[in-house]
């Protein structure tokens, strides 16, 4: 089982990350996870015009366009939207609950000192996860065949 962290702006649709997930999967199933955080999503729940629709839209997008490359490559997968204190904590909880073999996330390329101090998801996962973490750099591309 592979836990794959999905963000709305990078999701599984990042073709480079899909290649990594596919190569690591090798018959394993993938759990595509999007973590909602209490402090960021609370304001979206409060506004009357988005209270009932944005979560449903998010789940629909995760289950369709975000994981379309996994479907296209016949990688067995399930989608989950959860709430937790941070994306890293949520991914760790799912990985532990699912007894996953590895966690795969992308690096957005915003690796600054402030980001590390405040806790980027990939950085936090590499420090706190109790299982291997694969961080796919935003600039990575598959090497050409020899």
N, C-alpha and C. Protein backbone atom coordinates (compact mmCIF):
# COMPACT_ATOMS: atom_id res chain seq x y z
N UNK A 1 0.85 -1.17 0.00
CA UNK A 1 0.00 0.00 0.00
C UNK A 1 0.90 1.23 0.00
N UNK A 2 0.56 2.16 -0.87
CA UNK A 2 1.27 3.43 -0.97
C UNK A 2 0.31 4.54 -0.60
N UNK A 3 0.71 5.40 0.32
CA UNK A 3 -0.07 6.59 0.64
C UNK A 3 0.52 7.73 -0.18
N UNK A 4 -0.33 8.37 -0.98
CA UNK A 4 0.12 9.47 -1.84
C UNK A 4 -0.57 10.74 -1.41
N UNK A 5 0.20 11.73 -0.97
CA UNK A 5 -0.36 13.02 -0.57
C UNK A 5 -0.74 13.84 -1.78
N UNK A 6 -1.99 14.30 -1.83
CA UNK A 6 -2.50 15.07 -2.96
C UNK A 6 -2.83 16.49 -2.53
N UNK A 7 -2.37 17.44 -3.29
CA UNK A 7 -2.72 18.84 -3.08
C UNK A 7 -3.45 19.31 -4.31
N UNK A 8 -4.32 20.28 -4.15
CA UNK A 8 -5.14 20.71 -5.28
C UNK A 8 -4.31 21.24 -6.44
N UNK A 9 -3.20 21.89 -6.16
CA UNK A 9 -2.45 22.49 -7.25
C UNK A 9 -1.40 21.55 -7.85
N UNK A 10 -1.12 20.42 -7.21
CA UNK A 10 -0.12 19.50 -7.77
C UNK A 10 -0.67 18.09 -7.93
N UNK A 11 -1.54 17.67 -7.04
CA UNK A 11 -2.27 16.41 -7.11
C UNK A 11 -1.50 15.27 -7.78
N UNK A 12 -2.21 14.24 -8.13
CA UNK A 12 -1.60 13.10 -8.78
C UNK A 12 -1.39 13.41 -10.25
N UNK A 13 -2.01 14.47 -10.74
CA UNK A 13 -1.91 14.78 -12.16
C UNK A 13 -0.52 15.25 -12.56
N UNK A 14 0.35 15.50 -11.61
CA UNK A 14 1.73 15.83 -11.94
C UNK A 14 2.34 14.58 -12.60
N UNK A 15 2.66 14.65 -13.89
CA UNK A 15 3.10 13.44 -14.60
C UNK A 15 4.36 12.81 -14.04
N UNK A 16 5.24 13.60 -13.48
CA UNK A 16 6.47 13.04 -12.92
C UNK A 16 6.16 12.23 -11.67
N UNK A 17 5.28 12.75 -10.85
CA UNK A 17 4.93 12.03 -9.63
C UNK A 17 4.19 10.74 -9.96
N UNK A 18 3.38 10.75 -11.01
CA UNK A 18 2.67 9.55 -11.42
C UNK A 18 3.65 8.45 -11.79
N UNK A 19 4.72 8.80 -12.49
CA UNK A 19 5.73 7.79 -12.85
C UNK A 19 6.36 7.17 -11.61
N UNK A 20 6.64 7.99 -10.61
CA UNK A 20 7.22 7.46 -9.38
C UNK A 20 6.23 6.55 -8.68
N UNK A 21 4.99 7.00 -8.56
CA UNK A 21 3.97 6.18 -7.90
C UNK A 21 3.80 4.86 -8.64
N UNK A 22 3.74 4.92 -9.96
CA UNK A 22 3.58 3.70 -10.77
C UNK A 22 4.75 2.75 -10.57
N UNK A 23 5.97 3.28 -10.57
CA UNK A 23 7.12 2.40 -10.43
C UNK A 23 7.22 1.82 -9.02
N UNK A 24 6.82 2.59 -8.02
CA UNK A 24 6.86 2.08 -6.65
C UNK A 24 5.72 1.10 -6.42
N UNK A 25 4.58 1.35 -7.03
CA UNK A 25 3.40 0.52 -6.81
C UNK A 25 3.65 -0.93 -7.19
N UNK A 26 4.08 -1.18 -8.41
CA UNK A 26 4.43 -2.53 -8.86
C UNK A 26 3.48 -3.58 -8.27
N UNK A 27 2.20 -3.35 -8.48
CA UNK A 27 1.19 -4.28 -7.98
C UNK A 27 0.53 -3.84 -6.69
N UNK A 28 1.09 -2.87 -5.99
CA UNK A 28 0.49 -2.39 -4.75
C UNK A 28 -0.64 -1.41 -5.07
N UNK A 29 -1.53 -1.23 -4.14
CA UNK A 29 -2.59 -0.24 -4.32
C UNK A 29 -2.13 1.10 -3.77
N UNK A 30 -2.78 2.14 -4.23
CA UNK A 30 -2.43 3.51 -3.82
C UNK A 30 -3.62 4.12 -3.10
N UNK A 31 -3.36 4.79 -2.00
CA UNK A 31 -4.39 5.57 -1.30
C UNK A 31 -4.05 7.02 -1.56
N UNK A 32 -4.86 7.69 -2.40
CA UNK A 32 -4.67 9.12 -2.69
C UNK A 32 -5.37 9.90 -1.58
N UNK A 33 -4.59 10.71 -0.85
CA UNK A 33 -5.11 11.39 0.34
C UNK A 33 -4.96 12.90 0.20
N UNK A 34 -6.04 13.61 0.46
CA UNK A 34 -5.98 15.07 0.57
C UNK A 34 -6.35 15.40 2.00
N UNK A 35 -5.49 16.17 2.67
CA UNK A 35 -5.70 16.50 4.08
C UNK A 35 -6.21 17.93 4.18
N UNK A 36 -7.37 18.07 4.81
CA UNK A 36 -7.91 19.39 5.13
C UNK A 36 -7.44 19.74 6.54
N UNK A 37 -7.01 20.98 6.74
CA UNK A 37 -6.54 21.38 8.06
C UNK A 37 -7.60 22.25 8.72
N UNK A 38 -7.73 22.11 10.02
CA UNK A 38 -8.78 22.79 10.76
C UNK A 38 -8.72 24.30 10.60
N UNK A 39 -7.53 24.86 10.70
CA UNK A 39 -7.42 26.32 10.68
C UNK A 39 -7.64 26.92 9.30
N UNK A 40 -7.35 26.20 8.23
CA UNK A 40 -7.52 26.77 6.88
C UNK A 40 -8.93 26.56 6.34
N UNK A 41 -9.53 25.41 6.60
CA UNK A 41 -10.83 25.11 6.01
C UNK A 41 -12.02 25.62 6.82
N UNK A 42 -11.80 25.98 8.08
CA UNK A 42 -12.90 26.47 8.91
C UNK A 42 -13.58 27.68 8.28
N UNK A 43 -12.81 28.61 7.76
CA UNK A 43 -13.40 29.81 7.16
C UNK A 43 -14.24 29.47 5.94
N UNK A 44 -13.84 28.47 5.19
CA UNK A 44 -14.63 28.07 4.03
C UNK A 44 -15.95 27.44 4.45
N UNK A 45 -15.97 26.77 5.60
CA UNK A 45 -17.21 26.16 6.09
C UNK A 45 -18.19 27.21 6.59
N UNK A 46 -17.67 28.35 7.04
CA UNK A 46 -18.52 29.36 7.66
C UNK A 46 -19.30 30.18 6.64
N UNK A 47 -18.73 30.43 5.48
CA UNK A 47 -19.41 31.27 4.50
C UNK A 47 -20.61 30.53 3.91
N UNK A 48 -21.77 31.17 3.88
CA UNK A 48 -23.00 30.50 3.42
C UNK A 48 -22.95 30.02 1.97
N UNK A 49 -22.27 30.74 1.10
CA UNK A 49 -22.27 30.36 -0.30
C UNK A 49 -21.41 29.13 -0.59
N UNK A 50 -20.49 28.79 0.27
CA UNK A 50 -19.65 27.62 0.02
C UNK A 50 -19.84 26.51 1.05
N UNK A 51 -20.67 26.73 2.04
CA UNK A 51 -20.80 25.78 3.14
C UNK A 51 -21.14 24.37 2.68
N UNK A 52 -21.99 24.24 1.69
CA UNK A 52 -22.44 22.90 1.32
C UNK A 52 -21.76 22.35 0.07
N UNK A 53 -21.07 23.17 -0.69
CA UNK A 53 -20.61 22.66 -1.98
C UNK A 53 -19.11 22.42 -2.09
N UNK A 54 -18.28 23.17 -1.40
CA UNK A 54 -16.85 23.09 -1.69
C UNK A 54 -16.25 21.74 -1.31
N UNK A 55 -16.69 21.13 -0.23
CA UNK A 55 -16.15 19.82 0.14
C UNK A 55 -16.58 18.74 -0.86
N UNK A 56 -17.82 18.81 -1.29
CA UNK A 56 -18.32 17.86 -2.29
C UNK A 56 -17.54 18.03 -3.61
N UNK A 57 -17.30 19.28 -3.99
CA UNK A 57 -16.53 19.55 -5.21
C UNK A 57 -15.09 19.04 -5.08
N UNK A 58 -14.50 19.22 -3.91
CA UNK A 58 -13.14 18.75 -3.67
C UNK A 58 -13.06 17.23 -3.80
N UNK A 59 -13.99 16.53 -3.18
CA UNK A 59 -13.99 15.07 -3.27
C UNK A 59 -14.21 14.60 -4.71
N UNK A 60 -15.10 15.27 -5.44
CA UNK A 60 -15.33 14.90 -6.84
C UNK A 60 -14.06 15.10 -7.67
N UNK A 61 -13.37 16.23 -7.45
CA UNK A 61 -12.13 16.48 -8.19
C UNK A 61 -11.05 15.45 -7.85
N UNK A 62 -10.94 15.11 -6.57
CA UNK A 62 -9.95 14.11 -6.16
C UNK A 62 -10.24 12.78 -6.83
N UNK A 63 -11.50 12.38 -6.85
CA UNK A 63 -11.88 11.07 -7.39
C UNK A 63 -11.91 11.03 -8.91
N UNK A 64 -11.79 12.17 -9.56
CA UNK A 64 -11.84 12.16 -11.02
C UNK A 64 -10.53 12.68 -11.61
N UNK A 65 -10.41 13.99 -11.75
CA UNK A 65 -9.26 14.53 -12.47
C UNK A 65 -7.94 14.37 -11.73
N UNK A 66 -7.93 14.43 -10.40
CA UNK A 66 -6.66 14.32 -9.68
C UNK A 66 -6.03 12.94 -9.83
N UNK A 67 -6.85 11.90 -9.87
CA UNK A 67 -6.31 10.54 -9.96
C UNK A 67 -6.47 9.93 -11.35
N UNK A 68 -6.87 10.71 -12.32
CA UNK A 68 -7.04 10.20 -13.69
C UNK A 68 -5.79 9.49 -14.21
N UNK A 69 -4.59 10.02 -13.97
CA UNK A 69 -3.40 9.30 -14.45
C UNK A 69 -3.24 7.91 -13.83
N UNK A 70 -3.63 7.74 -12.58
CA UNK A 70 -3.57 6.41 -11.97
C UNK A 70 -4.56 5.48 -12.64
N UNK A 71 -5.75 6.00 -12.92
CA UNK A 71 -6.75 5.20 -13.63
C UNK A 71 -6.25 4.82 -15.01
N UNK A 72 -5.66 5.79 -15.72
CA UNK A 72 -5.14 5.54 -17.07
C UNK A 72 -4.05 4.47 -17.07
N UNK A 73 -3.27 4.39 -16.00
CA UNK A 73 -2.18 3.41 -15.91
C UNK A 73 -2.61 2.12 -15.21
N UNK A 74 -3.92 2.00 -14.93
CA UNK A 74 -4.47 0.81 -14.26
C UNK A 74 -3.83 0.55 -12.90
N UNK A 75 -3.50 1.61 -12.17
CA UNK A 75 -2.98 1.47 -10.81
C UNK A 75 -4.19 1.43 -9.88
N UNK A 76 -4.38 0.34 -9.13
CA UNK A 76 -5.51 0.29 -8.20
C UNK A 76 -5.37 1.36 -7.13
N UNK A 77 -6.45 2.10 -6.88
CA UNK A 77 -6.36 3.20 -5.91
C UNK A 77 -7.72 3.47 -5.27
N UNK A 78 -7.64 4.12 -4.11
CA UNK A 78 -8.81 4.64 -3.41
C UNK A 78 -8.49 6.06 -3.02
N UNK A 79 -9.52 6.87 -2.89
CA UNK A 79 -9.35 8.29 -2.55
C UNK A 79 -9.93 8.56 -1.16
N UNK A 80 -9.25 9.44 -0.44
CA UNK A 80 -9.70 9.80 0.90
C UNK A 80 -9.45 11.28 1.14
N UNK A 81 -10.46 11.96 1.68
CA UNK A 81 -10.30 13.33 2.16
C UNK A 81 -10.48 13.26 3.67
N UNK A 82 -9.47 13.73 4.40
CA UNK A 82 -9.54 13.69 5.86
C UNK A 82 -9.25 15.06 6.43
N UNK A 83 -9.53 15.23 7.71
CA UNK A 83 -9.17 16.46 8.43
C UNK A 83 -8.17 16.10 9.50
N UNK A 84 -7.17 16.97 9.64
CA UNK A 84 -6.17 16.78 10.69
C UNK A 84 -5.51 18.12 10.95
N UNK A 85 -4.61 18.16 11.93
CA UNK A 85 -3.98 19.42 12.31
C UNK A 85 -3.03 19.97 11.25
N UNK A 86 -2.44 19.08 10.44
CA UNK A 86 -1.55 19.50 9.36
C UNK A 86 -1.56 18.42 8.29
N UNK A 87 -1.16 18.76 7.05
CA UNK A 87 -1.09 17.73 6.02
C UNK A 87 -0.15 16.58 6.40
N UNK A 88 0.99 16.90 6.99
CA UNK A 88 1.95 15.85 7.37
C UNK A 88 1.35 14.92 8.41
N UNK A 89 0.72 15.48 9.42
CA UNK A 89 0.11 14.66 10.47
C UNK A 89 -0.98 13.77 9.90
N UNK A 90 -1.80 14.32 9.02
CA UNK A 90 -2.86 13.54 8.39
C UNK A 90 -2.31 12.39 7.56
N UNK A 91 -1.28 12.65 6.77
CA UNK A 91 -0.67 11.60 5.96
C UNK A 91 -0.05 10.51 6.83
N UNK A 92 0.59 10.92 7.92
CA UNK A 92 1.18 9.94 8.85
C UNK A 92 0.08 9.08 9.46
N UNK A 93 -1.03 9.69 9.87
CA UNK A 93 -2.13 8.93 10.46
C UNK A 93 -2.70 7.91 9.46
N UNK A 94 -2.92 8.33 8.22
CA UNK A 94 -3.44 7.40 7.21
C UNK A 94 -2.43 6.29 6.93
N UNK A 95 -1.16 6.64 6.79
CA UNK A 95 -0.12 5.65 6.52
C UNK A 95 -0.05 4.62 7.64
N UNK A 96 -0.14 5.07 8.88
CA UNK A 96 -0.10 4.15 10.01
C UNK A 96 -1.35 3.26 10.04
N UNK A 97 -2.51 3.87 9.85
CA UNK A 97 -3.77 3.12 9.89
C UNK A 97 -3.82 2.07 8.77
N UNK A 98 -3.33 2.43 7.59
CA UNK A 98 -3.36 1.53 6.43
C UNK A 98 -2.16 0.58 6.39
N UNK A 99 -1.22 0.75 7.33
CA UNK A 99 -0.01 -0.07 7.33
C UNK A 99 0.70 0.04 5.98
N UNK A 100 0.83 1.28 5.49
CA UNK A 100 1.41 1.49 4.16
C UNK A 100 2.90 1.17 4.16
N UNK A 101 3.40 0.87 2.98
CA UNK A 101 4.82 0.58 2.80
C UNK A 101 5.64 1.84 2.62
N UNK A 102 5.03 2.88 2.04
CA UNK A 102 5.75 4.11 1.72
C UNK A 102 4.75 5.26 1.58
N UNK A 103 5.24 6.48 1.81
CA UNK A 103 4.45 7.70 1.59
C UNK A 103 5.13 8.45 0.46
N UNK A 104 4.35 8.88 -0.54
CA UNK A 104 4.89 9.64 -1.67
C UNK A 104 4.25 11.02 -1.67
N UNK A 105 5.09 12.06 -1.70
CA UNK A 105 4.61 13.44 -1.79
C UNK A 105 5.50 14.19 -2.78
N UNK A 106 5.03 15.33 -3.19
CA UNK A 106 5.82 16.16 -4.08
C UNK A 106 6.40 17.34 -3.33
N UNK A 107 7.51 17.83 -3.83
CA UNK A 107 8.11 19.05 -3.29
C UNK A 107 7.75 20.17 -4.26
N UNK A 108 7.21 21.23 -3.73
CA UNK A 108 6.74 22.32 -4.58
C UNK A 108 7.84 23.27 -5.01
N UNK A 109 9.01 23.09 -4.50
CA UNK A 109 10.11 23.98 -4.87
C UNK A 109 10.15 25.27 -4.08
N UNK A 110 9.38 25.34 -3.00
CA UNK A 110 9.37 26.54 -2.16
C UNK A 110 10.15 26.29 -0.88
N UNK A 111 11.27 25.63 -1.01
CA UNK A 111 12.05 25.23 0.14
C UNK A 111 12.88 26.41 0.65
N UNK A 112 12.31 27.16 1.57
CA UNK A 112 13.00 28.29 2.17
C UNK A 112 13.23 27.99 3.64
N UNK A 113 14.06 28.80 4.24
CA UNK A 113 14.28 28.63 5.67
C UNK A 113 12.97 28.81 6.43
N UNK A 114 12.18 29.81 6.04
CA UNK A 114 10.90 30.03 6.71
C UNK A 114 9.99 28.83 6.54
N UNK A 115 9.99 28.23 5.34
CA UNK A 115 9.18 27.05 5.11
C UNK A 115 9.59 25.89 5.98
N UNK A 116 10.87 25.74 6.19
CA UNK A 116 11.34 24.66 7.06
C UNK A 116 11.03 24.95 8.52
N UNK A 117 11.20 26.20 8.93
CA UNK A 117 10.90 26.54 10.31
C UNK A 117 9.41 26.37 10.59
N UNK A 118 8.58 26.82 9.65
CA UNK A 118 7.14 26.71 9.82
C UNK A 118 6.64 25.30 9.52
N UNK A 119 7.42 24.51 8.80
CA UNK A 119 7.08 23.11 8.61
C UNK A 119 6.43 22.76 7.29
N UNK A 120 7.20 22.70 6.21
CA UNK A 120 6.63 22.22 4.96
C UNK A 120 6.25 20.76 5.13
N UNK A 121 5.28 20.32 4.35
CA UNK A 121 4.78 18.95 4.48
C UNK A 121 5.88 17.92 4.24
N UNK A 122 6.61 18.05 3.14
CA UNK A 122 7.63 17.04 2.83
C UNK A 122 8.73 17.01 3.88
N UNK A 123 9.14 18.18 4.33
CA UNK A 123 10.19 18.25 5.35
C UNK A 123 9.72 17.62 6.66
N UNK A 124 8.51 17.95 7.06
CA UNK A 124 7.95 17.40 8.29
C UNK A 124 7.79 15.88 8.20
N UNK A 125 7.35 15.39 7.05
CA UNK A 125 7.21 13.95 6.88
C UNK A 125 8.54 13.22 7.01
N UNK A 126 9.58 13.78 6.41
CA UNK A 126 10.88 13.10 6.47
C UNK A 126 11.41 13.02 7.90
N UNK A 127 10.98 13.94 8.74
CA UNK A 127 11.43 13.92 10.14
C UNK A 127 10.54 13.06 11.03
N UNK A 128 9.23 13.01 10.75
CA UNK A 128 8.29 12.42 11.70
C UNK A 128 7.70 11.07 11.30
N UNK A 129 7.70 10.74 10.03
CA UNK A 129 7.05 9.50 9.59
C UNK A 129 7.81 8.28 10.08
N UNK A 130 7.06 7.24 10.36
CA UNK A 130 7.65 5.99 10.83
C UNK A 130 7.80 4.96 9.71
N UNK A 131 7.75 5.44 8.50
CA UNK A 131 7.93 4.58 7.33
C UNK A 131 8.62 5.40 6.25
N UNK A 132 9.13 4.78 5.21
CA UNK A 132 9.86 5.53 4.18
C UNK A 132 8.99 6.60 3.51
N UNK A 133 9.64 7.70 3.17
CA UNK A 133 8.97 8.82 2.48
C UNK A 133 9.74 9.09 1.19
N UNK A 134 9.02 9.16 0.08
CA UNK A 134 9.61 9.54 -1.19
C UNK A 134 9.12 10.93 -1.52
N UNK A 135 10.06 11.86 -1.68
CA UNK A 135 9.73 13.24 -2.04
C UNK A 135 10.15 13.45 -3.49
N UNK A 136 9.18 13.73 -4.34
CA UNK A 136 9.46 13.92 -5.77
C UNK A 136 9.65 15.41 -6.02
N UNK A 137 10.86 15.83 -6.40
CA UNK A 137 11.11 17.25 -6.65
C UNK A 137 10.25 17.76 -7.82
N UNK A 138 9.84 19.00 -7.75
CA UNK A 138 9.02 19.60 -8.80
C UNK A 138 9.75 19.60 -10.14
N UNK A 139 11.07 19.60 -10.13
CA UNK A 139 11.84 19.66 -11.36
C UNK A 139 12.29 18.31 -11.88
N UNK A 140 11.91 17.21 -11.21
CA UNK A 140 12.35 15.88 -11.61
C UNK A 140 11.69 15.47 -12.91
N UNK A 141 12.43 14.77 -13.74
CA UNK A 141 11.85 14.14 -14.92
C UNK A 141 12.49 12.78 -15.09
N UNK A 142 11.75 11.86 -15.69
CA UNK A 142 12.25 10.50 -15.85
C UNK A 142 13.44 10.49 -16.78
N UNK A 143 14.51 9.80 -16.40
CA UNK A 143 15.69 9.72 -17.29
C UNK A 143 15.33 9.04 -18.60
N UNK A 144 15.99 9.46 -19.66
CA UNK A 144 15.76 8.84 -20.97
C UNK A 144 16.25 7.40 -20.96
N UNK A 145 15.56 6.57 -21.69
CA UNK A 145 15.96 5.17 -21.78
C UNK A 145 17.31 5.05 -22.49
N UNK A 146 18.12 4.14 -22.01
CA UNK A 146 19.47 3.97 -22.58
C UNK A 146 19.44 3.24 -23.90
